[in-house]
């Protein structure tokens, strides 16, 4: 949740669009990757 708030702050307040998008996307990517790895290890 903190990464989403941070990305919104960076995107709108700091006006650094590329960094704001990056910060907003890395956390969900890691979470989804961990879920997929967990599924593979269960099989």
C-alpha atoms as a PDB file:
ATOM      1  CA  UNK A   1       0.000   0.000   0.000  1.00  0.00           C
ATOM      2  CA  UNK A   2       2.882   2.312   0.788  1.00  0.00           C
ATOM      3  CA  UNK A   3       4.291   1.917  -2.724  1.00  0.00           C
ATOM      4  CA  UNK A   4       0.976   3.050  -4.228  1.00  0.00           C
ATOM      5  CA  UNK A   5       0.864   6.154  -2.041  1.00  0.00           C
ATOM      6  CA  UNK A   6       4.526   6.833  -2.776  1.00  0.00           C
ATOM      7  CA  UNK A   7       4.027   6.456  -6.496  1.00  0.00           C
ATOM      8  CA  UNK A   8       1.090   8.869  -6.487  1.00  0.00           C
ATOM      9  CA  UNK A   9       3.141  11.392  -4.540  1.00  0.00           C
ATOM     10  CA  UNK A  10       6.101  11.077  -6.904  1.00  0.00           C
ATOM     11  CA  UNK A  11       3.898  11.177 -10.001  1.00  0.00           C
ATOM     12  CA  UNK A  12       1.746  14.178  -9.079  1.00  0.00           C
ATOM     13  CA  UNK A  13       3.672  16.200  -6.486  1.00  0.00           C
ATOM     14  CA  UNK A  14       7.252  15.645  -7.654  1.00  0.00           C
ATOM     15  CA  UNK A  15       6.167  15.572 -11.342  1.00  0.00           C
ATOM     16  CA  UNK A  16       8.509  12.667 -12.071  1.00  0.00           C
ATOM     17  CA  UNK A  17       6.190  10.527 -14.184  1.00  0.00           C
ATOM     18  CA  UNK A  18       8.609   7.736 -15.086  1.00  0.00           C
ATOM     19  CA  UNK A  19       9.722   7.156 -11.491  1.00  0.00           C
ATOM     20  CA  UNK A  20       6.132   7.335 -10.234  1.00  0.00           C
ATOM     21  CA  UNK A  21       5.059   4.627 -12.660  1.00  0.00           C
ATOM     22  CA  UNK A  22       8.063   2.462 -11.773  1.00  0.00           C
ATOM     23  CA  UNK A  23       7.430   2.708  -8.038  1.00  0.00           C
ATOM     24  CA  UNK A  24       3.761   1.864  -8.552  1.00  0.00           C
ATOM     25  CA  UNK A  25       4.490  -1.235 -10.639  1.00  0.00           C
ATOM     26  CA  UNK A  26       7.397  -3.019  -8.928  1.00  0.00           C
ATOM     27  CA  UNK A  27       5.524  -4.129  -5.799  1.00  0.00           C
ATOM     28  CA  UNK A  28       2.567  -5.830  -7.564  1.00  0.00           C
ATOM     29  CA  UNK A  29       5.003  -7.495  -9.960  1.00  0.00           C
ATOM     30  CA  UNK A  30       6.976  -9.031  -7.110  1.00  0.00           C
ATOM     31  CA  UNK A  31       3.788 -10.139  -5.327  1.00  0.00           C
ATOM     32  CA  UNK A  32       2.416 -11.800  -8.462  1.00  0.00           C
ATOM     33  CA  UNK A  33       5.757 -13.476  -9.097  1.00  0.00           C
ATOM     34  CA  UNK A  34       5.809 -14.851  -5.543  1.00  0.00           C
ATOM     35  CA  UNK A  35       2.285 -16.241  -5.954  1.00  0.00           C
ATOM     36  CA  UNK A  36       3.245 -17.984  -9.196  1.00  0.00           C
ATOM     37  CA  UNK A  37       6.382 -19.478  -7.639  1.00  0.00           C
ATOM     38  CA  UNK A  38       4.320 -20.687  -4.688  1.00  0.00           C
ATOM     39  CA  UNK A  39       1.846 -22.381  -7.068  1.00  0.00           C
ATOM     40  CA  UNK A  40       4.693 -24.084  -8.949  1.00  0.00           C
ATOM     41  CA  UNK A  41       6.191 -25.412  -5.719  1.00  0.00           C
ATOM     42  CA  UNK A  42       2.836 -26.869  -4.633  1.00  0.00           C
ATOM     43  CA  UNK A  43       2.624 -29.067  -7.753  1.00  0.00           C
END
